[in-house]
Amino acid sequence: MTDSTDLWTVAVIVGLTVVTVITRCFFFISSKPWTLPHWAQRGLQYAPIAALAAVIVPEVVMTQGYFISTWQDARLFAAVAGAAWFFWRQGAGQAVLGTIMVGMAVYLPLHLGFGW
């Protein structure tokens, strides 16, 4: 058995590399200044929170593809405690770090101690 790489694999890797470099360097390659329209700039302000919600919400309210059926789930209490901390500390420094710490401080005892 030989460990040779066929030509097709090399061509695909080179092609993907070229596409990645061009798309990531597009703003540096262009000689004229480029700005987003106002509506796009405003929309991008909400992108991080939308992406975070898309990842976190299903994890909190679902288990193996099904909605949770009991209130005895540590994730629910941790999410409520974290959200309460965030809204209480909003505008103050380290609000996100505190949200994570409070959520985990509620989650771990309930999950490990009670088995929720």
Protein backbone atom coordinates (compact mmCIF):
# COMPACT_ATOMS: atom_id res chain seq x y z
CA MET A 1 0.00 0.00 0.00
CA THR A 2 1.39 3.39 -0.97
CA ASP A 3 0.69 6.74 0.61
CA SER A 4 0.41 8.70 -2.61
CA THR A 5 -2.09 11.49 -3.17
CA ASP A 6 -3.90 11.53 -6.47
CA LEU A 7 -3.99 14.55 -8.76
CA TRP A 8 -7.69 15.22 -8.14
CA THR A 9 -7.16 15.66 -4.38
CA VAL A 10 -4.27 18.06 -4.94
CA ALA A 11 -6.33 20.06 -7.47
CA VAL A 12 -9.25 20.35 -5.05
CA ILE A 13 -6.98 21.49 -2.21
CA VAL A 14 -5.31 24.10 -4.43
CA GLY A 15 -8.66 25.29 -5.77
CA LEU A 16 -10.16 25.66 -2.30
CA THR A 17 -7.05 27.52 -1.16
CA VAL A 18 -7.29 29.98 -4.05
CA VAL A 19 -11.00 30.61 -3.45
CA THR A 20 -10.40 31.13 0.28
CA VAL A 21 -7.51 33.55 -0.23
CA ILE A 22 -9.37 35.59 -2.86
CA THR A 23 -12.57 35.89 -0.81
CA ARG A 24 -10.74 36.80 2.38
CA CYS A 25 -8.40 39.27 0.70
CA PHE A 26 -11.05 40.90 -1.50
CA PHE A 27 -11.03 44.11 0.53
CA PHE A 28 -7.24 44.40 0.33
CA ILE A 29 -7.07 43.67 -3.40
CA SER A 30 -9.53 46.41 -4.36
CA SER A 31 -7.90 49.79 -5.00
CA LYS A 32 -10.93 51.97 -4.23
CA PRO A 33 -12.52 52.36 -0.82
CA TRP A 34 -15.49 50.12 -0.22
CA THR A 35 -18.24 50.71 2.33
CA LEU A 36 -21.36 48.81 3.18
CA PRO A 37 -24.75 50.47 2.73
CA HIS A 38 -26.30 51.79 5.93
CA TRP A 39 -28.93 49.04 6.03
CA ALA A 40 -26.22 46.35 5.83
CA GLN A 41 -24.14 47.98 8.57
CA ARG A 42 -27.20 48.15 10.79
CA GLY A 43 -28.10 44.53 10.08
CA LEU A 44 -24.59 43.31 10.89
CA GLN A 45 -24.91 44.79 14.38
CA TYR A 46 -27.46 42.07 15.17
CA ALA A 47 -25.55 39.19 13.59
CA PRO A 48 -23.59 38.09 16.70
CA ILE A 49 -26.65 37.93 18.95
CA ALA A 50 -28.65 36.13 16.24
CA ALA A 51 -25.89 33.55 15.79
CA LEU A 52 -25.60 33.07 19.55
CA ALA A 53 -29.35 32.61 19.89
CA ALA A 54 -29.36 30.10 17.03
CA VAL A 55 -26.77 28.00 18.87
CA ILE A 56 -27.91 28.40 22.49
CA VAL A 57 -31.72 28.26 22.32
CA PRO A 58 -31.98 24.76 20.81
CA GLU A 59 -29.45 23.49 23.35
CA VAL A 60 -31.48 24.89 26.23
CA VAL A 61 -34.97 23.77 25.19
CA MET A 62 -34.28 20.50 23.35
CA THR A 63 -32.77 17.11 24.15
CA GLN A 64 -31.84 14.76 21.31
CA GLY A 65 -34.14 16.55 18.90
CA TYR A 66 -37.19 16.73 21.18
CA PHE A 67 -38.44 19.53 23.39
CA ILE A 68 -37.74 18.94 27.05
CA SER A 69 -40.80 17.61 28.85
CA THR A 70 -39.98 18.40 32.45
CA TRP A 71 -39.16 21.53 34.40
CA GLN A 72 -36.44 19.59 36.24
CA ASP A 73 -33.76 20.46 33.74
CA ALA A 74 -30.69 22.33 34.96
CA ARG A 75 -30.32 24.12 31.63
CA LEU A 76 -33.60 25.99 32.11
CA PHE A 77 -32.63 27.35 35.51
CA ALA A 78 -29.11 28.20 34.35
CA ALA A 79 -30.44 30.09 31.32
CA VAL A 80 -32.88 32.08 33.46
CA ALA A 81 -30.20 32.89 36.05
CA GLY A 82 -27.71 33.90 33.35
CA ALA A 83 -30.27 36.08 31.57
CA ALA A 84 -31.24 37.74 34.85
CA TRP A 85 -27.59 38.50 35.60
CA PHE A 86 -27.03 39.92 32.13
CA PHE A 87 -30.05 42.23 32.27
CA TRP A 88 -29.16 43.31 35.80
CA ARG A 89 -25.55 44.09 34.85
CA GLN A 90 -26.19 45.37 31.30
CA GLY A 91 -23.91 48.24 30.48
CA ALA A 92 -21.48 47.33 33.24
CA GLY A 93 -18.09 45.76 32.59
CA GLN A 94 -17.78 42.00 32.25
CA ALA A 95 -21.54 41.42 31.83
CA VAL A 96 -21.01 38.51 29.43
CA LEU A 97 -18.38 36.81 31.59
CA GLY A 98 -20.66 37.20 34.60
CA THR A 99 -23.54 35.71 32.63
CA ILE A 100 -21.49 32.61 31.85
CA MET A 101 -20.25 32.30 35.43
CA VAL A 102 -23.71 32.69 36.98
CA GLY A 103 -25.24 30.26 34.49
CA MET A 104 -22.59 27.65 35.24
CA ALA A 105 -22.85 28.28 38.99
CA VAL A 106 -26.53 27.36 38.77
CA TYR A 107 -26.15 24.58 36.20
CA LEU A 108 -23.36 22.54 37.80
CA PRO A 109 -24.93 21.95 41.25
CA LEU A 110 -28.29 21.08 39.70
CA HIS A 111 -26.77 18.81 37.05
CA LEU A 112 -24.14 17.12 39.19
CA GLY A 113 -25.88 17.25 42.57
CA PHE A 114 -29.47 16.42 41.63
CA GLY A 115 -28.78 14.70 38.32
CA TRP A 116 -31.08 17.03 36.40
